[in-house]
C-alpha cells in the first residue's frame, strides 16, 4: 500500500445539437482506467458507465 492513488477526472465539453429550447446543464467527465474510460454524467441525477477503449483512442468528442 505504499503508493497513493488518485482517480483523475477530465471535464468534457458538452452541448445539444441545434441548441433547442431546453438548455442542458449536464456536466460530463471521463477518467482513464485500465481497459478504457469511466464516464460520469451529472445533471439532476448522476450516471456512471464504462466505455471500453483499451488503447485510450477516444478524444472525448462524439462522431456527429
N, C-alpha and C. Protein backbone atom coordinates (compact mmCIF):
# COMPACT_ATOMS: atom_id res chain seq x y z
N UNK A 1 0.82 -1.21 0.00
CA UNK A 1 0.00 0.00 0.00
C UNK A 1 0.85 1.25 0.00
N UNK A 2 2.06 1.18 -0.50
CA UNK A 2 2.99 2.28 -0.39
C UNK A 2 2.66 3.50 -1.23
N UNK A 3 1.97 3.33 -2.37
CA UNK A 3 1.76 4.45 -3.27
C UNK A 3 0.32 4.94 -3.20
N UNK A 4 0.15 6.25 -3.01
CA UNK A 4 -1.19 6.83 -3.04
C UNK A 4 -1.70 6.86 -4.47
N UNK A 5 -2.96 6.55 -4.63
CA UNK A 5 -3.60 6.55 -5.96
C UNK A 5 -4.67 7.64 -5.99
N UNK A 6 -4.83 8.22 -7.14
CA UNK A 6 -5.84 9.26 -7.32
C UNK A 6 -6.52 9.04 -8.65
N UNK A 7 -7.85 9.05 -8.65
CA UNK A 7 -8.62 8.95 -9.89
C UNK A 7 -8.75 10.37 -10.43
N UNK A 8 -8.19 10.61 -11.60
CA UNK A 8 -8.17 11.96 -12.17
C UNK A 8 -9.26 12.10 -13.22
N UNK A 9 -10.18 13.02 -12.98
CA UNK A 9 -11.31 13.27 -13.87
C UNK A 9 -11.00 14.45 -14.78
N UNK A 10 -11.39 14.30 -16.05
CA UNK A 10 -11.23 15.36 -17.05
C UNK A 10 -12.63 15.78 -17.48
N UNK A 11 -12.94 17.08 -17.40
CA UNK A 11 -14.25 17.54 -17.85
C UNK A 11 -14.28 17.57 -19.38
N UNK A 12 -15.42 17.12 -19.93
CA UNK A 12 -15.63 17.10 -21.37
C UNK A 12 -16.68 18.14 -21.71
N UNK A 13 -16.39 19.00 -22.69
CA UNK A 13 -17.38 19.97 -23.15
C UNK A 13 -18.57 19.23 -23.74
N UNK A 14 -19.77 19.67 -23.41
CA UNK A 14 -20.98 19.01 -23.88
C UNK A 14 -21.98 20.06 -24.33
N UNK A 15 -22.62 19.80 -25.45
CA UNK A 15 -23.64 20.73 -25.95
C UNK A 15 -24.74 19.94 -26.64
N UNK A 16 -25.87 20.59 -26.84
CA UNK A 16 -27.00 19.98 -27.53
C UNK A 16 -27.00 20.44 -28.97
N UNK A 17 -27.06 19.49 -29.90
CA UNK A 17 -27.07 19.82 -31.33
C UNK A 17 -28.27 20.69 -31.64
N UNK A 18 -28.04 21.79 -32.35
CA UNK A 18 -29.12 22.67 -32.76
C UNK A 18 -29.62 23.58 -31.65
N UNK A 19 -29.04 23.52 -30.48
CA UNK A 19 -29.45 24.40 -29.40
C UNK A 19 -30.72 23.95 -28.72
N UNK A 20 -31.84 24.01 -29.42
CA UNK A 20 -33.12 23.60 -28.83
C UNK A 20 -33.63 24.62 -27.82
N UNK A 21 -34.80 24.36 -27.31
CA UNK A 21 -35.42 25.28 -26.36
C UNK A 21 -34.92 25.04 -24.93
N UNK A 22 -34.45 23.85 -24.67
CA UNK A 22 -34.04 23.49 -23.32
C UNK A 22 -32.52 23.51 -23.22
N UNK A 23 -32.00 24.29 -22.29
CA UNK A 23 -30.56 24.34 -22.08
C UNK A 23 -30.15 23.13 -21.24
N UNK A 24 -29.19 22.38 -21.74
CA UNK A 24 -28.70 21.22 -21.00
C UNK A 24 -27.58 21.66 -20.07
N UNK A 25 -27.78 21.46 -18.79
CA UNK A 25 -26.77 21.80 -17.81
C UNK A 25 -26.03 20.56 -17.34
N UNK A 26 -25.74 19.66 -18.28
CA UNK A 26 -25.04 18.44 -17.94
C UNK A 26 -23.57 18.73 -17.73
N UNK A 27 -23.00 18.09 -16.77
CA UNK A 27 -21.56 18.09 -16.56
C UNK A 27 -21.09 16.68 -16.91
N UNK A 28 -20.13 16.56 -17.82
CA UNK A 28 -19.64 15.26 -18.27
C UNK A 28 -18.14 15.20 -17.99
N UNK A 29 -17.72 14.09 -17.38
CA UNK A 29 -16.32 13.89 -17.04
C UNK A 29 -15.90 12.50 -17.50
N UNK A 30 -14.61 12.31 -17.71
CA UNK A 30 -14.07 10.98 -18.00
C UNK A 30 -12.79 10.79 -17.20
N UNK A 31 -12.51 9.53 -16.90
CA UNK A 31 -11.28 9.17 -16.20
C UNK A 31 -10.67 7.96 -16.89
N UNK A 32 -9.40 8.03 -17.21
CA UNK A 32 -8.69 6.92 -17.86
C UNK A 32 -8.45 5.82 -16.83
N UNK A 33 -8.94 4.62 -17.14
CA UNK A 33 -8.75 3.46 -16.27
C UNK A 33 -8.29 2.30 -17.15
N UNK A 34 -7.76 1.24 -16.55
CA UNK A 34 -7.32 0.11 -17.36
C UNK A 34 -8.45 -0.42 -18.26
N UNK A 35 -8.19 -0.49 -19.55
CA UNK A 35 -9.16 -1.03 -20.50
C UNK A 35 -10.13 -0.03 -21.09
N UNK A 36 -10.07 1.24 -20.67
CA UNK A 36 -11.00 2.22 -21.23
C UNK A 36 -11.19 3.44 -20.34
N UNK A 37 -12.43 3.90 -20.30
CA UNK A 37 -12.76 5.14 -19.60
C UNK A 37 -13.96 4.93 -18.68
N UNK A 38 -13.92 5.57 -17.52
CA UNK A 38 -15.12 5.76 -16.72
C UNK A 38 -15.72 7.08 -17.17
N UNK A 39 -17.01 7.11 -17.44
CA UNK A 39 -17.68 8.33 -17.88
C UNK A 39 -18.76 8.67 -16.85
N UNK A 40 -18.68 9.87 -16.33
CA UNK A 40 -19.59 10.35 -15.29
C UNK A 40 -20.40 11.51 -15.85
N UNK A 41 -21.73 11.41 -15.74
CA UNK A 41 -22.62 12.47 -16.18
C UNK A 41 -23.43 12.93 -14.97
N UNK A 42 -23.43 14.24 -14.74
CA UNK A 42 -24.17 14.81 -13.61
C UNK A 42 -25.15 15.84 -14.14
N UNK A 43 -26.39 15.71 -13.72
CA UNK A 43 -27.44 16.68 -14.04
C UNK A 43 -28.33 16.74 -12.81
N UNK A 44 -29.59 16.37 -12.93
CA UNK A 44 -30.45 16.26 -11.74
C UNK A 44 -30.10 15.01 -10.95
N UNK A 45 -29.58 14.02 -11.66
CA UNK A 45 -29.10 12.79 -11.04
C UNK A 45 -27.68 12.55 -11.57
N UNK A 46 -27.09 11.46 -11.18
CA UNK A 46 -25.72 11.15 -11.61
C UNK A 46 -25.72 9.77 -12.25
N UNK A 47 -24.99 9.65 -13.35
CA UNK A 47 -24.84 8.36 -14.01
C UNK A 47 -23.36 8.07 -14.24
N UNK A 48 -23.00 6.81 -14.14
CA UNK A 48 -21.62 6.39 -14.34
C UNK A 48 -21.61 5.16 -15.23
N UNK A 49 -20.74 5.15 -16.24
CA UNK A 49 -20.64 4.00 -17.12
C UNK A 49 -19.19 3.77 -17.50
N UNK A 50 -18.91 2.58 -18.01
CA UNK A 50 -17.58 2.25 -18.50
C UNK A 50 -17.62 2.20 -20.02
N UNK A 51 -16.69 2.88 -20.67
CA UNK A 51 -16.56 2.87 -22.12
C UNK A 51 -15.28 2.09 -22.46
N UNK A 52 -15.42 0.86 -23.02
CA UNK A 52 -14.22 0.08 -23.34
C UNK A 52 -13.42 0.74 -24.47
N UNK A 53 -12.16 0.95 -24.24
CA UNK A 53 -11.26 1.57 -25.21
C UNK A 53 -9.83 1.26 -24.78
N UNK A 54 -9.37 0.01 -25.01
CA UNK A 54 -8.07 -0.43 -24.49
C UNK A 54 -6.90 0.48 -24.88
N UNK A 55 -6.97 1.10 -26.06
CA UNK A 55 -5.88 1.98 -26.50
C UNK A 55 -6.07 3.43 -26.09
N UNK A 56 -7.16 3.73 -25.40
CA UNK A 56 -7.50 5.10 -24.98
C UNK A 56 -7.44 6.07 -26.17
N UNK A 57 -8.06 5.65 -27.30
CA UNK A 57 -8.06 6.46 -28.52
C UNK A 57 -9.16 7.53 -28.51
N UNK A 58 -10.17 7.36 -27.67
CA UNK A 58 -11.30 8.31 -27.64
C UNK A 58 -10.81 9.68 -27.19
N UNK A 59 -11.08 10.69 -28.01
CA UNK A 59 -10.63 12.04 -27.70
C UNK A 59 -11.64 12.84 -26.87
N UNK A 60 -12.74 12.21 -26.50
CA UNK A 60 -13.75 12.89 -25.70
C UNK A 60 -14.88 13.48 -26.52
N UNK A 61 -14.74 13.47 -27.84
CA UNK A 61 -15.77 14.03 -28.71
C UNK A 61 -16.71 12.95 -29.21
N UNK A 62 -17.79 13.40 -29.87
CA UNK A 62 -18.73 12.48 -30.48
C UNK A 62 -18.48 12.42 -31.98
N UNK A 63 -19.08 11.45 -32.65
CA UNK A 63 -18.86 11.27 -34.08
C UNK A 63 -19.67 12.26 -34.91
N UNK A 64 -20.77 12.75 -34.37
CA UNK A 64 -21.59 13.69 -35.12
C UNK A 64 -21.86 14.92 -34.31
